[in-house]
All heavy atoms as atom14 arrays in JSON, in Angstrom:
{
  "sequence": "VAMDMPEFRDAGLVELRASLMRGQRAAAAEEVIAGQLATLGVEGP",
  "atom14_mask": [
    [1, 1, 1, 1, 1, 1, 1, 0, 0, 0, 0, 0, 0, 0],
    [1, 1, 1, 1, 1, 0, 0, 0, 0, 0, 0, 0, 0, 0],
    [1, 1, 1, 1, 1, 1, 1, 1, 0, 0, 0, 0, 0, 0],
    [1, 1, 1, 1, 1, 1, 1, 1, 0, 0, 0, 0, 0, 0],
    [1, 1, 1, 1, 1, 1, 1, 1, 0, 0, 0, 0, 0, 0],
    [1, 1, 1, 1, 1, 1, 1, 0, 0, 0, 0, 0, 0, 0],
    [1, 1, 1, 1, 1, 1, 1, 1, 1, 0, 0, 0, 0, 0],
    [1, 1, 1, 1, 1, 1, 1, 1, 1, 1, 1, 0, 0, 0],
    [1, 1, 1, 1, 1, 1, 1, 1, 1, 1, 1, 0, 0, 0],
    [1, 1, 1, 1, 1, 1, 1, 1, 0, 0, 0, 0, 0, 0],
    [1, 1, 1, 1, 1, 0, 0, 0, 0, 0, 0, 0, 0, 0],
    [1, 1, 1, 1, 0, 0, 0, 0, 0, 0, 0, 0, 0, 0],
    [1, 1, 1, 1, 1, 1, 1, 1, 0, 0, 0, 0, 0, 0],
    [1, 1, 1, 1, 1, 1, 1, 0, 0, 0, 0, 0, 0, 0],
    [1, 1, 1, 1, 1, 1, 1, 1, 1, 0, 0, 0, 0, 0],
    [1, 1, 1, 1, 1, 1, 1, 1, 0, 0, 0, 0, 0, 0],
    [1, 1, 1, 1, 1, 1, 1, 1, 1, 1, 1, 0, 0, 0],
    [1, 1, 1, 1, 1, 0, 0, 0, 0, 0, 0, 0, 0, 0],
    [1, 1, 1, 1, 1, 1, 0, 0, 0, 0, 0, 0, 0, 0],
    [1, 1, 1, 1, 1, 1, 1, 1, 0, 0, 0, 0, 0, 0],
    [1, 1, 1, 1, 1, 1, 1, 1, 0, 0, 0, 0, 0, 0],
    [1, 1, 1, 1, 1, 1, 1, 1, 1, 1, 1, 0, 0, 0],
    [1, 1, 1, 1, 0, 0, 0, 0, 0, 0, 0, 0, 0, 0],
    [1, 1, 1, 1, 1, 1, 1, 1, 1, 0, 0, 0, 0, 0],
    [1, 1, 1, 1, 1, 1, 1, 1, 1, 1, 1, 0, 0, 0],
    [1, 1, 1, 1, 1, 0, 0, 0, 0, 0, 0, 0, 0, 0],
    [1, 1, 1, 1, 1, 0, 0, 0, 0, 0, 0, 0, 0, 0],
    [1, 1, 1, 1, 1, 0, 0, 0, 0, 0, 0, 0, 0, 0],
    [1, 1, 1, 1, 1, 0, 0, 0, 0, 0, 0, 0, 0, 0],
    [1, 1, 1, 1, 1, 1, 1, 1, 1, 0, 0, 0, 0, 0],
    [1, 1, 1, 1, 1, 1, 1, 1, 1, 0, 0, 0, 0, 0],
    [1, 1, 1, 1, 1, 1, 1, 0, 0, 0, 0, 0, 0, 0],
    [1, 1, 1, 1, 1, 1, 1, 1, 0, 0, 0, 0, 0, 0],
    [1, 1, 1, 1, 1, 0, 0, 0, 0, 0, 0, 0, 0, 0],
    [1, 1, 1, 1, 0, 0, 0, 0, 0, 0, 0, 0, 0, 0],
    [1, 1, 1, 1, 1, 1, 1, 1, 1, 0, 0, 0, 0, 0],
    [1, 1, 1, 1, 1, 1, 1, 1, 0, 0, 0, 0, 0, 0],
    [1, 1, 1, 1, 1, 0, 0, 0, 0, 0, 0, 0, 0, 0],
    [1, 1, 1, 1, 1, 1, 1, 0, 0, 0, 0, 0, 0, 0],
    [1, 1, 1, 1, 1, 1, 1, 1, 0, 0, 0, 0, 0, 0],
    [1, 1, 1, 1, 0, 0, 0, 0, 0, 0, 0, 0, 0, 0],
    [1, 1, 1, 1, 1, 1, 1, 0, 0, 0, 0, 0, 0, 0],
    [1, 1, 1, 1, 1, 1, 1, 1, 1, 0, 0, 0, 0, 0],
    [1, 1, 1, 1, 0, 0, 0, 0, 0, 0, 0, 0, 0, 0],
    [1, 1, 1, 1, 1, 1, 1, 0, 0, 0, 0, 0, 0, 0]
  ],
  "atom14_positions": [
    [[0.86, -1.18, 0.0], [0.0, 0.0, 0.0], [0.9, 1.23, 0.0], [1.93, 1.25, 0.67], [-0.97, 0.02, 1.21], [-0.2, 0.04, 2.52], [-1.91, 1.21, 1.13], [0.0, 0.0, 0.0], [0.0, 0.0, 0.0], [0.0, 0.0, 0.0], [0.0, 0.0, 0.0], [0.0, 0.0, 0.0], [0.0, 0.0, 0.0], [0.0, 0.0, 0.0]],
    [[0.54, 2.23, -0.79], [1.34, 3.45, -0.88], [0.43, 4.61, -1.24], [-0.65, 4.42, -1.82], [2.44, 3.3, -1.92], [0.0, 0.0, 0.0], [0.0, 0.0, 0.0], [0.0, 0.0, 0.0], [0.0, 0.0, 0.0], [0.0, 0.0, 0.0], [0.0, 0.0, 0.0], [0.0, 0.0, 0.0], [0.0, 0.0, 0.0], [0.0, 0.0, 0.0]],
    [[0.87, 5.82, -0.91], [0.13, 7.02, -1.26], [1.09, 8.04, -1.88], [2.27, 8.07, -1.53], [-0.57, 7.63, -0.04], [-1.66, 6.78, 0.56], [-2.51, 7.55, 1.98], [-3.51, 8.8, 1.14], [0.0, 0.0, 0.0], [0.0, 0.0, 0.0], [0.0, 0.0, 0.0], [0.0, 0.0, 0.0], [0.0, 0.0, 0.0], [0.0, 0.0, 0.0]],
    [[0.56, 8.86, -2.78], [1.34, 9.92, -3.42], [0.68, 11.26, -3.15], [-0.54, 11.41, -3.29], [1.41, 9.7, -4.93], [2.23, 8.48, -5.3], [3.2, 8.2, -4.58], [1.89, 7.82, -6.3], [0.0, 0.0, 0.0], [0.0, 0.0, 0.0], [0.0, 0.0, 0.0], [0.0, 0.0, 0.0], [0.0, 0.0, 0.0], [0.0, 0.0, 0.0]],
    [[1.5, 12.24, -2.77], [1.03, 13.59, -2.53], [1.34, 14.45, -3.75], [2.5, 14.59, -4.14], [1.74, 14.17, -1.29], [1.35, 15.59, -0.96], [-0.38, 15.74, -0.46], [-0.57, 17.52, -0.55], [0.0, 0.0, 0.0], [0.0, 0.0, 0.0], [0.0, 0.0, 0.0], [0.0, 0.0, 0.0], [0.0, 0.0, 0.0], [0.0, 0.0, 0.0]],
    [[0.33, 15.03, -4.41], [0.59, 15.81, -5.63], [1.27, 17.13, -5.32], [1.05, 17.74, -4.28], [-0.81, 16.04, -6.2], [-1.71, 16.02, -5.0], [-1.1, 15.02, -4.06], [0.0, 0.0, 0.0], [0.0, 0.0, 0.0], [0.0, 0.0, 0.0], [0.0, 0.0, 0.0], [0.0, 0.0, 0.0], [0.0, 0.0, 0.0], [0.0, 0.0, 0.0]],
    [[2.12, 17.57, -6.26], [2.78, 18.87, -6.15], [2.51, 19.65, -7.43], [3.43, 20.02, -8.17], [4.26, 18.7, -5.88], [4.56, 18.07, -4.53], [6.02, 18.15, -4.14], [6.89, 18.32, -5.04], [6.31, 18.04, -2.94], [0.0, 0.0, 0.0], [0.0, 0.0, 0.0], [0.0, 0.0, 0.0], [0.0, 0.0, 0.0], [0.0, 0.0, 0.0]],
    [[1.23, 19.89, -7.69], [0.8, 20.56, -8.91], [0.44, 22.02, -8.6], [0.31, 22.41, -7.46], [-0.42, 19.87, -9.51], [-0.24, 18.4, -9.76], [-1.35, 17.57, -9.82], [1.01, 17.84, -9.94], [-1.21, 16.22, -10.06], [1.17, 16.49, -10.18], [0.05, 15.66, -10.23], [0.0, 0.0, 0.0], [0.0, 0.0, 0.0], [0.0, 0.0, 0.0]],
    [[0.25, 22.79, -9.67], [-0.15, 24.18, -9.49], [-1.55, 24.28, -8.9], [-1.83, 25.07, -8.0], [-0.11, 24.93, -10.81], [-0.2, 26.44, -10.64], [-0.07, 27.15, -11.96], [-1.36, 27.28, -12.62], [-1.52, 27.72, -13.86], [-0.47, 28.0, -14.59], [-2.71, 27.84, -14.39], [0.0, 0.0, 0.0], [0.0, 0.0, 0.0], [0.0, 0.0, 0.0]],
    [[-2.47, 23.46, -9.42], [-3.83, 23.42, -8.91], [-4.02, 22.14, -8.12], [-3.09, 21.35, -7.95], [-4.83, 23.52, -10.06], [-4.72, 24.84, -10.81], [-4.28, 25.83, -10.19], [-5.05, 24.87, -12.02], [0.0, 0.0, 0.0], [0.0, 0.0, 0.0], [0.0, 0.0, 0.0], [0.0, 0.0, 0.0], [0.0, 0.0, 0.0], [0.0, 0.0, 0.0]],
    [[-5.24, 21.93, -7.67], [-5.51, 20.76, -6.82], [-5.37, 19.47, -7.62], [-6.17, 19.18, -8.51], [-6.92, 20.87, -6.23], [0.0, 0.0, 0.0], [0.0, 0.0, 0.0], [0.0, 0.0, 0.0], [0.0, 0.0, 0.0], [0.0, 0.0, 0.0], [0.0, 0.0, 0.0], [0.0, 0.0, 0.0], [0.0, 0.0, 0.0], [0.0, 0.0, 0.0]],
    [[-4.35, 18.69, -7.29], [-4.17, 17.38, -7.9], [-4.79, 16.32, -7.03], [-5.44, 16.6, -6.02], [0.0, 0.0, 0.0], [0.0, 0.0, 0.0], [0.0, 0.0, 0.0], [0.0, 0.0, 0.0], [0.0, 0.0, 0.0], [0.0, 0.0, 0.0], [0.0, 0.0, 0.0], [0.0, 0.0, 0.0], [0.0, 0.0, 0.0], [0.0, 0.0, 0.0]],
    [[-4.6, 15.07, -7.43], [-5.19, 13.95, -6.69], [-4.19, 13.36, -5.71], [-3.05, 13.05, -6.08], [-5.64, 12.85, -7.65], [-6.81, 13.15, -8.58], [-7.14, 11.9, -9.39], [-8.03, 13.61, -7.81], [0.0, 0.0, 0.0], [0.0, 0.0, 0.0], [0.0, 0.0, 0.0], [0.0, 0.0, 0.0], [0.0, 0.0, 0.0], [0.0, 0.0, 0.0]],
    [[-4.63, 13.22, -4.46], [-3.9, 12.37, -3.52], [-4.28, 10.94, -3.88], [-5.44, 10.55, -3.79], [-4.3, 12.68, -2.07], [-3.54, 11.75, -1.12], [-4.01, 14.13, -1.73], [0.0, 0.0, 0.0], [0.0, 0.0, 0.0], [0.0, 0.0, 0.0], [0.0, 0.0, 0.0], [0.0, 0.0, 0.0], [0.0, 0.0, 0.0], [0.0, 0.0, 0.0]],
    [[-3.3, 10.15, -4.31], [-3.57, 8.8, -4.78], [-3.16, 7.76, -3.75], [-2.14, 7.9, -3.08], [-2.82, 8.53, -6.09], [-3.25, 9.4, -7.25], [-2.5, 9.06, -8.51], [-2.38, 7.86, -8.84], [-2.01, 10.0, -9.18], [0.0, 0.0, 0.0], [0.0, 0.0, 0.0], [0.0, 0.0, 0.0], [0.0, 0.0, 0.0], [0.0, 0.0, 0.0]],
    [[-3.96, 6.72, -3.65], [-3.63, 5.56, -2.82], [-3.67, 4.33, -3.71], [-4.66, 4.08, -4.4], [-4.62, 5.41, -1.66], [-4.33, 4.28, -0.67], [-4.87, 4.63, 0.71], [-4.94, 2.94, -1.11], [0.0, 0.0, 0.0], [0.0, 0.0, 0.0], [0.0, 0.0, 0.0], [0.0, 0.0, 0.0], [0.0, 0.0, 0.0], [0.0, 0.0, 0.0]],
    [[-2.6, 3.55, -3.7], [-2.49, 2.32, -4.49], [-2.34, 1.12, -3.54], [-1.52, 1.18, -2.62], [-1.28, 2.36, -5.42], [-1.29, 3.52, -6.38], [-0.07, 3.5, -7.29], [1.18, 3.4, -6.54], [1.77, 4.43, -5.96], [1.22, 5.63, -6.01], [2.9, 4.28, -5.31], [0.0, 0.0, 0.0], [0.0, 0.0, 0.0], [0.0, 0.0, 0.0]],
    [[-3.1, 0.1, -3.8], [-2.99, -1.11, -2.98], [-3.11, -2.34, -3.86], [-3.98, -2.4, -4.75], [-4.07, -1.13, -1.9], [0.0, 0.0, 0.0], [0.0, 0.0, 0.0], [0.0, 0.0, 0.0], [0.0, 0.0, 0.0], [0.0, 0.0, 0.0], [0.0, 0.0, 0.0], [0.0, 0.0, 0.0], [0.0, 0.0, 0.0], [0.0, 0.0, 0.0]],
    [[-2.24, -3.3, -3.64], [-2.31, -4.6, -4.31], [-2.85, -5.62, -3.32], [-2.24, -5.85, -2.26], [-0.93, -5.03, -4.82], [-0.46, -4.13, -5.81], [0.0, 0.0, 0.0], [0.0, 0.0, 0.0], [0.0, 0.0, 0.0], [0.0, 0.0, 0.0], [0.0, 0.0, 0.0], [0.0, 0.0, 0.0], [0.0, 0.0, 0.0], [0.0, 0.0, 0.0]],
    [[-3.99, -6.21, -3.64], [-4.63, -7.16, -2.74], [-3.94, -8.52, -2.81], [-3.37, -8.89, -3.84], [-6.1, -7.31, -3.1], [-7.1, -6.25, -2.57], [-7.22, -6.36, -1.06], [-6.72, -4.85, -2.98], [0.0, 0.0, 0.0], [0.0, 0.0, 0.0], [0.0, 0.0, 0.0], [0.0, 0.0, 0.0], [0.0, 0.0, 0.0], [0.0, 0.0, 0.0]],
    [[-4.01, -9.24, -1.7], [-3.55, -10.63, -1.7], [-4.53, -11.49, -2.49], [-5.71, -11.15, -2.64], [-3.45, -11.14, -0.26], [-2.48, -10.35, 0.61], [-0.75, -10.59, 0.15], [-0.48, -12.26, 0.76], [0.0, 0.0, 0.0], [0.0, 0.0, 0.0], [0.0, 0.0, 0.0], [0.0, 0.0, 0.0], [0.0, 0.0, 0.0], [0.0, 0.0, 0.0]],
    [[-4.05, -12.61, -2.99], [-4.93, -13.52, -3.73], [-6.13, -13.92, -2.87], [-5.99, -14.26, -1.7], [-4.18, -14.79, -4.14], [-3.22, -14.6, -5.3], [-2.49, -15.92, -5.59], [-1.56, -15.8, -6.68], [-1.82, -16.09, -7.95], [-3.03, -16.52, -8.28], [-0.9, -15.97, -8.89], [0.0, 0.0, 0.0], [0.0, 0.0, 0.0], [0.0, 0.0, 0.0]],
    [[-7.3, -13.84, -3.48], [-8.52, -14.23, -2.78], [-9.17, -13.11, -2.0], [-10.31, -13.24, -1.56], [0.0, 0.0, 0.0], [0.0, 0.0, 0.0], [0.0, 0.0, 0.0], [0.0, 0.0, 0.0], [0.0, 0.0, 0.0], [0.0, 0.0, 0.0], [0.0, 0.0, 0.0], [0.0, 0.0, 0.0], [0.0, 0.0, 0.0], [0.0, 0.0, 0.0]],
    [[-8.48, -11.99, -1.82], [-9.04, -10.86, -1.1], [-9.67, -9.88, -2.09], [-9.22, -9.75, -3.23], [-7.97, -10.15, -0.27], [-7.3, -11.02, 0.77], [-8.23, -11.35, 1.94], [-9.36, -10.87, 2.02], [-7.74, -12.2, 2.84], [0.0, 0.0, 0.0], [0.0, 0.0, 0.0], [0.0, 0.0, 0.0], [0.0, 0.0, 0.0], [0.0, 0.0, 0.0]],
    [[-10.68, -9.16, -1.64], [-11.39, -8.23, -2.5], [-11.05, -6.78, -2.15], [-10.8, -6.44, -0.99], [-12.9, -8.43, -2.37], [-13.38, -9.83, -2.8], [-13.14, -10.07, -4.29], [-13.6, -11.38, -4.7], [-14.8, -11.61, -5.26], [-15.65, -10.61, -5.42], [-15.15, -12.83, -5.62], [0.0, 0.0, 0.0], [0.0, 0.0, 0.0], [0.0, 0.0, 0.0]],
    [[-11.06, -5.94, -3.16], [-10.76, -4.53, -2.96], [-11.73, -3.89, -1.97], [-11.35, -2.99, -1.22], [-10.8, -3.79, -4.3], [0.0, 0.0, 0.0], [0.0, 0.0, 0.0], [0.0, 0.0, 0.0], [0.0, 0.0, 0.0], [0.0, 0.0, 0.0], [0.0, 0.0, 0.0], [0.0, 0.0, 0.0], [0.0, 0.0, 0.0], [0.0, 0.0, 0.0]],
    [[-12.97, -4.34, -1.96], [-13.96, -3.76, -1.06], [-13.55, -3.89, 0.4], [-13.82, -3.0, 1.21], [-15.32, -4.42, -1.29], [0.0, 0.0, 0.0], [0.0, 0.0, 0.0], [0.0, 0.0, 0.0], [0.0, 0.0, 0.0], [0.0, 0.0, 0.0], [0.0, 0.0, 0.0], [0.0, 0.0, 0.0], [0.0, 0.0, 0.0], [0.0, 0.0, 0.0]],
    [[-12.89, -5.0, 0.75], [-12.45, -5.18, 2.13], [-11.37, -4.17, 2.49], [-11.36, -3.61, 3.6], [-11.94, -6.61, 2.33], [0.0, 0.0, 0.0], [0.0, 0.0, 0.0], [0.0, 0.0, 0.0], [0.0, 0.0, 0.0], [0.0, 0.0, 0.0], [0.0, 0.0, 0.0], [0.0, 0.0, 0.0], [0.0, 0.0, 0.0], [0.0, 0.0, 0.0]],
    [[-10.46, -3.91, 1.57], [-9.42, -2.91, 1.82], [-10.04, -1.52, 1.91], [-9.66, -0.71, 2.77], [-8.38, -2.96, 0.72], [0.0, 0.0, 0.0], [0.0, 0.0, 0.0], [0.0, 0.0, 0.0], [0.0, 0.0, 0.0], [0.0, 0.0, 0.0], [0.0, 0.0, 0.0], [0.0, 0.0, 0.0], [0.0, 0.0, 0.0], [0.0, 0.0, 0.0]],
    [[-10.99, -1.23, 1.04], [-11.67, 0.07, 1.09], [-12.31, 0.31, 2.44], [-12.29, 1.42, 2.98], [-12.74, 0.14, 0.0], [-12.24, 0.46, -1.38], [-13.39, 0.8, -2.29], [-14.1, 1.8, -2.03], [-13.61, 0.03, -3.27], [0.0, 0.0, 0.0], [0.0, 0.0, 0.0], [0.0, 0.0, 0.0], [0.0, 0.0, 0.0], [0.0, 0.0, 0.0]],
    [[-12.9, -0.73, 3.01], [-13.56, -0.59, 4.31], [-12.55, -0.22, 5.39], [-12.82, 0.65, 6.23], [-14.28, -1.9, 4.66], [-15.06, -1.83, 5.96], [-15.8, -3.14, 6.24], [-15.8, -4.03, 5.38], [-16.37, -3.24, 7.35], [0.0, 0.0, 0.0], [0.0, 0.0, 0.0], [0.0, 0.0, 0.0], [0.0, 0.0, 0.0], [0.0, 0.0, 0.0]],
    [[-11.4, -0.87, 5.39], [-10.36, -0.56, 6.37], [-9.85, 0.86, 6.17], [-9.67, 1.61, 7.14], [-9.21, -1.58, 6.27], [-8.04, -1.16, 7.18], [-9.69, -2.97, 6.64], [0.0, 0.0, 0.0], [0.0, 0.0, 0.0], [0.0, 0.0, 0.0], [0.0, 0.0, 0.0], [0.0, 0.0, 0.0], [0.0, 0.0, 0.0], [0.0, 0.0, 0.0]],
    [[-9.61, 1.24, 4.92], [-9.09, 2.58, 4.62], [-10.09, 3.64, 5.08], [-9.72, 4.63, 5.74], [-8.82, 2.71, 3.11], [-7.65, 1.81, 2.72], [-8.53, 4.16, 2.74], [-7.53, 1.57, 1.22], [0.0, 0.0, 0.0], [0.0, 0.0, 0.0], [0.0, 0.0, 0.0], [0.0, 0.0, 0.0], [0.0, 0.0, 0.0], [0.0, 0.0, 0.0]],
    [[-11.37, 3.44, 4.78], [-12.4, 4.4, 5.19], [-12.44, 4.52, 6.7], [-12.59, 5.63, 7.24], [-13.76, 3.98, 4.63], [0.0, 0.0, 0.0], [0.0, 0.0, 0.0], [0.0, 0.0, 0.0], [0.0, 0.0, 0.0], [0.0, 0.0, 0.0], [0.0, 0.0, 0.0], [0.0, 0.0, 0.0], [0.0, 0.0, 0.0], [0.0, 0.0, 0.0]],
    [[-12.3, 3.4, 7.41], [-12.32, 3.44, 8.87], [-11.15, 4.2, 9.44], [-11.32, 5.0, 10.39], [0.0, 0.0, 0.0], [0.0, 0.0, 0.0], [0.0, 0.0, 0.0], [0.0, 0.0, 0.0], [0.0, 0.0, 0.0], [0.0, 0.0, 0.0], [0.0, 0.0, 0.0], [0.0, 0.0, 0.0], [0.0, 0.0, 0.0], [0.0, 0.0, 0.0]],
    [[-9.97, 3.99, 8.89], [-8.79, 4.69, 9.38], [-8.87, 6.2, 9.09], [-8.48, 7.02, 9.92], [-7.53, 4.1, 8.75], [-7.18, 2.72, 9.27], [-6.95, 2.73, 10.78], [-6.21, 3.58, 11.29], [-7.57, 1.81, 11.49], [0.0, 0.0, 0.0], [0.0, 0.0, 0.0], [0.0, 0.0, 0.0], [0.0, 0.0, 0.0], [0.0, 0.0, 0.0]],
    [[-9.37, 6.56, 7.92], [-9.52, 7.97, 7.59], [-10.54, 8.64, 8.51], [-10.33, 9.77, 8.97], [-9.94, 8.13, 6.13], [-8.9, 7.75, 5.08], [-9.51, 7.84, 3.68], [-7.67, 8.64, 5.18], [0.0, 0.0, 0.0], [0.0, 0.0, 0.0], [0.0, 0.0, 0.0], [0.0, 0.0, 0.0], [0.0, 0.0, 0.0], [0.0, 0.0, 0.0]],
    [[-11.63, 7.94, 8.78], [-12.65, 8.51, 9.67], [-12.1, 8.71, 11.07], [-12.33, 9.76, 11.7], [-13.88, 7.59, 9.7], [0.0, 0.0, 0.0], [0.0, 0.0, 0.0], [0.0, 0.0, 0.0], [0.0, 0.0, 0.0], [0.0, 0.0, 0.0], [0.0, 0.0, 0.0], [0.0, 0.0, 0.0], [0.0, 0.0, 0.0], [0.0, 0.0, 0.0]],
    [[-11.35, 7.74, 11.56], [-10.76, 7.87, 12.9], [-9.76, 9.02, 12.96], [-9.78, 9.84, 13.9], [-10.06, 6.56, 13.29], [-11.02, 5.49, 13.31], [-9.41, 6.67, 14.67], [0.0, 0.0, 0.0], [0.0, 0.0, 0.0], [0.0, 0.0, 0.0], [0.0, 0.0, 0.0], [0.0, 0.0, 0.0], [0.0, 0.0, 0.0], [0.0, 0.0, 0.0]],
    [[-8.89, 9.11, 11.97], [-7.9, 10.18, 11.95], [-8.58, 11.54, 11.81], [-8.12, 12.54, 12.39], [-6.91, 9.95, 10.81], [-5.7, 10.88, 10.73], [-4.86, 10.8, 12.0], [-4.84, 10.53, 9.51], [0.0, 0.0, 0.0], [0.0, 0.0, 0.0], [0.0, 0.0, 0.0], [0.0, 0.0, 0.0], [0.0, 0.0, 0.0], [0.0, 0.0, 0.0]],
    [[-9.67, 11.6, 11.08], [-10.38, 12.86, 10.89], [-11.14, 13.32, 12.12], [-11.54, 14.49, 12.2], [0.0, 0.0, 0.0], [0.0, 0.0, 0.0], [0.0, 0.0, 0.0], [0.0, 0.0, 0.0], [0.0, 0.0, 0.0], [0.0, 0.0, 0.0], [0.0, 0.0, 0.0], [0.0, 0.0, 0.0], [0.0, 0.0, 0.0], [0.0, 0.0, 0.0]],
    [[-11.33, 12.43, 13.08], [-12.0, 12.8, 14.34], [-10.99, 12.98, 15.47], [-11.01, 13.97, 16.2], [-13.05, 11.73, 14.73], [-13.59, 12.01, 16.13], [-14.18, 11.7, 13.71], [0.0, 0.0, 0.0], [0.0, 0.0, 0.0], [0.0, 0.0, 0.0], [0.0, 0.0, 0.0], [0.0, 0.0, 0.0], [0.0, 0.0, 0.0], [0.0, 0.0, 0.0]],
    [[-10.08, 12.02, 15.61], [-9.17, 12.02, 16.74], [-7.83, 12.72, 16.46], [-7.15, 13.15, 17.41], [-8.88, 10.58, 17.17], [-10.14, 9.81, 17.59], [-9.84, 8.36, 17.91], [-8.66, 7.95, 17.74], [-10.77, 7.64, 18.31], [0.0, 0.0, 0.0], [0.0, 0.0, 0.0], [0.0, 0.0, 0.0], [0.0, 0.0, 0.0], [0.0, 0.0, 0.0]],
    [[-7.47, 12.82, 15.2], [-6.16, 13.36, 14.88], [-5.05, 12.35, 15.15], [-5.3, 11.25, 15.66], [0.0, 0.0, 0.0], [0.0, 0.0, 0.0], [0.0, 0.0, 0.0], [0.0, 0.0, 0.0], [0.0, 0.0, 0.0], [0.0, 0.0, 0.0], [0.0, 0.0, 0.0], [0.0, 0.0, 0.0], [0.0, 0.0, 0.0], [0.0, 0.0, 0.0]],
    [[-3.81, 12.68, 14.84], [-2.69, 11.75, 15.05], [-2.19, 11.78, 16.48], [-2.41, 12.74, 17.23], [-1.63, 12.29, 14.1], [-1.88, 13.77, 14.09], [-3.38, 13.93, 14.19], [0.0, 0.0, 0.0], [0.0, 0.0, 0.0], [0.0, 0.0, 0.0], [0.0, 0.0, 0.0], [0.0, 0.0, 0.0], [0.0, 0.0, 0.0], [0.0, 0.0, 0.0]]
  ]
}
């Protein structure tokens, strides 16, 4: 899993790339990512 921070003149995309293990679905990773973002957005680091 990795993320890229854009350094563009205007608003670029913060990208997140993840390669799933065999047999795992992207939806399961999305759920974990959404949970972590929600927690960080409420509690901070």
